[in-house]
């Protein structure tokens, strides 16, 4: 996992965040987040991710929208892997929502969203995503 974060996510940082003063140094730490999210039913988030998805769906206040330097996730690089089944209409919908909303909240996409399909075999998507 650490190799994945270094290889995929930290490379997404073109330059370090701007720092205005010495007190801001601690706020300029870069964070890498790897999210693996399955779906239940017709694209619903699993129970343990429901609260997180509902929070991300909240509208982003105008004052916090990028490129505003106060964007709440501006120091975050992320990657999302969705696990779903194309036999359902809303294939990997939770992962798609998470990917879109993380960007809306100011995070940087470090790797393209990958959606693995249980119907055709998860390995065909998961293995290349990890490399």
C-alpha atoms as a PDB file:
ATOM      1  CA  UNK A   1       0.000   0.000   0.000  1.00  0.00           C
ATOM      2  CA  UNK A   2       2.789   2.438   0.795  1.00  0.00           C
ATOM      3  CA  UNK A   3       4.397   1.660  -2.568  1.00  0.00           C
ATOM      4  CA  UNK A   4       1.058   2.358  -4.286  1.00  0.00           C
ATOM      5  CA  UNK A   5       0.654   5.679  -2.466  1.00  0.00           C
ATOM      6  CA  UNK A   6       4.191   6.789  -3.329  1.00  0.00           C
ATOM      7  CA  UNK A   7       3.990   5.634  -6.941  1.00  0.00           C
ATOM      8  CA  UNK A   8       0.471   6.723  -7.867  1.00  0.00           C
ATOM      9  CA  UNK A   9      -0.602   9.475  -5.518  1.00  0.00           C
ATOM     10  CA  UNK A  10       2.392  11.527  -4.533  1.00  0.00           C
ATOM     11  CA  UNK A  11       3.421  11.873  -8.171  1.00  0.00           C
ATOM     12  CA  UNK A  12       0.183  13.786  -8.751  1.00  0.00           C
ATOM     13  CA  UNK A  13       1.626  16.750  -6.859  1.00  0.00           C
ATOM     14  CA  UNK A  14       3.134  19.040  -9.472  1.00  0.00           C
ATOM     15  CA  UNK A  15       4.447  21.439  -6.876  1.00  0.00           C
ATOM     16  CA  UNK A  16       4.115  21.730  -3.112  1.00  0.00           C
ATOM     17  CA  UNK A  17       1.285  23.898  -1.785  1.00  0.00           C
ATOM     18  CA  UNK A  18       2.115  27.571  -1.315  1.00  0.00           C
ATOM     19  CA  UNK A  19       3.044  28.538   2.225  1.00  0.00           C
ATOM     20  CA  UNK A  20       2.444  32.107   3.377  1.00  0.00           C
ATOM     21  CA  UNK A  21       4.024  31.958   6.829  1.00  0.00           C
ATOM     22  CA  UNK A  22       5.794  29.658   9.275  1.00  0.00           C
ATOM     23  CA  UNK A  23       2.550  28.719  11.054  1.00  0.00           C
ATOM     24  CA  UNK A  24       1.163  27.402   7.781  1.00  0.00           C
ATOM     25  CA  UNK A  25       3.957  24.832   7.386  1.00  0.00           C
ATOM     26  CA  UNK A  26       2.107  22.257   9.456  1.00  0.00           C
ATOM     27  CA  UNK A  27      -1.000  22.782   7.291  1.00  0.00           C
ATOM     28  CA  UNK A  28       0.926  22.131   4.073  1.00  0.00           C
ATOM     29  CA  UNK A  29       1.440  18.432   4.746  1.00  0.00           C
ATOM     30  CA  UNK A  30       0.462  16.257   1.813  1.00  0.00           C
ATOM     31  CA  UNK A  31      -1.865  13.346   2.434  1.00  0.00           C
ATOM     32  CA  UNK A  32      -2.535  10.332   0.243  1.00  0.00           C
ATOM     33  CA  UNK A  33      -5.886   8.569   0.491  1.00  0.00           C
ATOM     34  CA  UNK A  34      -6.725   5.248  -1.132  1.00  0.00           C
ATOM     35  CA  UNK A  35     -10.455   4.460  -1.174  1.00  0.00           C
ATOM     36  CA  UNK A  36     -11.801   1.032  -2.068  1.00  0.00           C
ATOM     37  CA  UNK A  37     -15.593   1.035  -2.115  1.00  0.00           C
ATOM     38  CA  UNK A  38     -17.983  -1.749  -2.956  1.00  0.00           C
ATOM     39  CA  UNK A  39     -21.636  -1.209  -3.777  1.00  0.00           C
ATOM     40  CA  UNK A  40     -24.694  -2.959  -2.454  1.00  0.00           C
ATOM     41  CA  UNK A  41     -28.033  -3.316  -4.143  1.00  0.00           C
ATOM     42  CA  UNK A  42     -28.401  -0.909  -7.016  1.00  0.00           C
ATOM     43  CA  UNK A  43     -25.323   1.272  -6.509  1.00  0.00           C
ATOM     44  CA  UNK A  44     -25.818   2.016  -2.812  1.00  0.00           C
ATOM     45  CA  UNK A  45     -22.872   2.558  -0.491  1.00  0.00           C
ATOM     46  CA  UNK A  46     -22.183  -0.254   1.968  1.00  0.00           C
ATOM     47  CA  UNK A  47     -23.261   0.387   5.546  1.00  0.00           C
ATOM     48  CA  UNK A  48     -19.749   1.248   6.753  1.00  0.00           C
ATOM     49  CA  UNK A  49     -19.317   3.881   4.006  1.00  0.00           C
ATOM     50  CA  UNK A  50     -22.802   5.377   4.070  1.00  0.00           C
ATOM     51  CA  UNK A  51     -22.037   8.249   6.425  1.00  0.00           C
ATOM     52  CA  UNK A  52     -18.876   9.176   4.489  1.00  0.00           C
ATOM     53  CA  UNK A  53     -20.729   9.225   1.153  1.00  0.00           C
ATOM     54  CA  UNK A  54     -23.595  11.292   2.615  1.00  0.00           C
ATOM     55  CA  UNK A  55     -21.081  13.825   3.968  1.00  0.00           C
ATOM     56  CA  UNK A  56     -19.314  14.142   0.631  1.00  0.00           C
ATOM     57  CA  UNK A  57     -22.642  14.690  -1.129  1.00  0.00           C
ATOM     58  CA  UNK A  58     -23.238  17.881   0.842  1.00  0.00           C
ATOM     59  CA  UNK A  59     -22.856  20.995  -1.299  1.00  0.00           C
ATOM     60  CA  UNK A  60     -19.418  22.546  -1.137  1.00  0.00           C
ATOM     61  CA  UNK A  61     -19.714  26.093   0.237  1.00  0.00           C
ATOM     62  CA  UNK A  62     -18.768  28.660  -2.408  1.00  0.00           C
ATOM     63  CA  UNK A  63     -15.981  30.019  -0.194  1.00  0.00           C
ATOM     64  CA  UNK A  64     -14.348  26.580  -0.128  1.00  0.00           C
ATOM     65  CA  UNK A  65     -14.488  25.706  -3.830  1.00  0.00           C
ATOM     66  CA  UNK A  66     -11.158  25.354  -5.664  1.00  0.00           C
ATOM     67  CA  UNK A  67      -9.012  27.234  -6.582  1.00  0.00           C
ATOM     68  CA  UNK A  68      -9.682  28.955  -3.268  1.00  0.00           C
ATOM     69  CA  UNK A  69      -6.667  28.251  -1.034  1.00  0.00           C
ATOM     70  CA  UNK A  70      -9.060  27.323   1.784  1.00  0.00           C
ATOM     71  CA  UNK A  71     -10.421  24.255  -0.064  1.00  0.00           C
ATOM     72  CA  UNK A  72     -10.732  21.636   2.699  1.00  0.00           C
ATOM     73  CA  UNK A  73      -9.011  18.813   0.824  1.00  0.00           C
ATOM     74  CA  UNK A  74      -6.432  20.834  -1.100  1.00  0.00           C
ATOM     75  CA  UNK A  75      -3.550  18.874   0.452  1.00  0.00           C
ATOM     76  CA  UNK A  76      -5.029  15.474  -0.393  1.00  0.00           C
ATOM     77  CA  UNK A  77      -4.200  13.252  -3.356  1.00  0.00           C
ATOM     78  CA  UNK A  78      -6.587  10.332  -3.760  1.00  0.00           C
ATOM     79  CA  UNK A  79      -7.423   7.251  -5.770  1.00  0.00           C
ATOM     80  CA  UNK A  80     -10.725   5.351  -5.828  1.00  0.00           C
ATOM     81  CA  UNK A  81     -11.298   1.704  -6.707  1.00  0.00           C
ATOM     82  CA  UNK A  82     -14.948   0.724  -7.085  1.00  0.00           C
ATOM     83  CA  UNK A  83     -16.155  -2.853  -6.728  1.00  0.00           C
ATOM     84  CA  UNK A  84     -19.513  -3.596  -8.303  1.00  0.00           C
ATOM     85  CA  UNK A  85     -21.577  -5.776 -10.592  1.00  0.00           C
ATOM     86  CA  UNK A  86     -22.750  -4.752 -14.064  1.00  0.00           C
ATOM     87  CA  UNK A  87     -25.897  -6.811 -13.573  1.00  0.00           C
ATOM     88  CA  UNK A  88     -27.189  -3.742 -11.695  1.00  0.00           C
ATOM     89  CA  UNK A  89     -28.157  -0.454 -13.357  1.00  0.00           C
ATOM     90  CA  UNK A  90     -26.077   1.745 -11.048  1.00  0.00           C
ATOM     91  CA  UNK A  91     -22.727   0.002 -11.525  1.00  0.00           C
ATOM     92  CA  UNK A  92     -20.159   1.292  -8.974  1.00  0.00           C
ATOM     93  CA  UNK A  93     -22.265   4.380  -8.314  1.00  0.00           C
ATOM     94  CA  UNK A  94     -20.867   4.899  -4.803  1.00  0.00           C
ATOM     95  CA  UNK A  95     -17.294   4.908  -6.090  1.00  0.00           C
ATOM     96  CA  UNK A  96     -18.221   7.337  -8.871  1.00  0.00           C
ATOM     97  CA  UNK A  97     -19.843   9.696  -6.366  1.00  0.00           C
ATOM     98  CA  UNK A  98     -16.823   9.528  -4.046  1.00  0.00           C
ATOM     99  CA  UNK A  99     -14.414  10.187  -6.924  1.00  0.00           C
ATOM    100  CA  UNK A 100     -16.393  13.187  -8.185  1.00  0.00           C
ATOM    101  CA  UNK A 101     -17.042  14.706  -4.761  1.00  0.00           C
ATOM    102  CA  UNK A 102     -13.440  14.337  -3.532  1.00  0.00           C
ATOM    103  CA  UNK A 103     -12.439  16.469  -6.511  1.00  0.00           C
ATOM    104  CA  UNK A 104     -15.241  18.954  -5.794  1.00  0.00           C
ATOM    105  CA  UNK A 105     -13.910  19.358  -2.234  1.00  0.00           C
ATOM    106  CA  UNK A 106     -10.451  20.275  -3.601  1.00  0.00           C
ATOM    107  CA  UNK A 107      -8.567  16.962  -3.519  1.00  0.00           C
ATOM    108  CA  UNK A 108      -6.285  16.008  -6.413  1.00  0.00           C
ATOM    109  CA  UNK A 109      -7.011  12.825  -8.325  1.00  0.00           C
ATOM    110  CA  UNK A 110      -3.811  10.792  -8.215  1.00  0.00           C
ATOM    111  CA  UNK A 111      -5.125   7.862 -10.238  1.00  0.00           C
ATOM    112  CA  UNK A 112      -8.065   7.452 -12.576  1.00  0.00           C
ATOM    113  CA  UNK A 113     -11.205   5.912 -11.073  1.00  0.00           C
ATOM    114  CA  UNK A 114     -11.227   2.158 -11.650  1.00  0.00           C
ATOM    115  CA  UNK A 115     -14.463   0.150 -11.543  1.00  0.00           C
ATOM    116  CA  UNK A 116     -14.021  -3.598 -11.136  1.00  0.00           C
ATOM    117  CA  UNK A 117     -16.864  -5.855 -12.247  1.00  0.00           C
ATOM    118  CA  UNK A 118     -17.801  -8.968 -10.273  1.00  0.00           C
ATOM    119  CA  UNK A 119     -19.663 -10.327 -13.310  1.00  0.00           C
ATOM    120  CA  UNK A 120     -16.524 -10.460 -15.463  1.00  0.00           C
ATOM    121  CA  UNK A 121     -13.891 -10.900 -12.753  1.00  0.00           C
ATOM    122  CA  UNK A 122     -12.436  -8.271 -10.460  1.00  0.00           C
ATOM    123  CA  UNK A 123      -8.802  -9.163 -11.146  1.00  0.00           C
ATOM    124  CA  UNK A 124      -8.827  -7.730 -14.676  1.00  0.00           C
ATOM    125  CA  UNK A 125      -9.332  -4.243 -13.266  1.00  0.00           C
ATOM    126  CA  UNK A 126      -7.774  -4.443  -9.815  1.00  0.00           C
ATOM    127  CA  UNK A 127      -4.352  -5.793 -10.841  1.00  0.00           C
ATOM    128  CA  UNK A 128      -3.625  -3.112 -13.493  1.00  0.00           C
ATOM    129  CA  UNK A 129      -4.897  -0.398 -11.116  1.00  0.00           C
ATOM    130  CA  UNK A 130      -2.357  -1.479  -8.511  1.00  0.00           C
ATOM    131  CA  UNK A 131       0.573  -1.453 -10.975  1.00  0.00           C
END
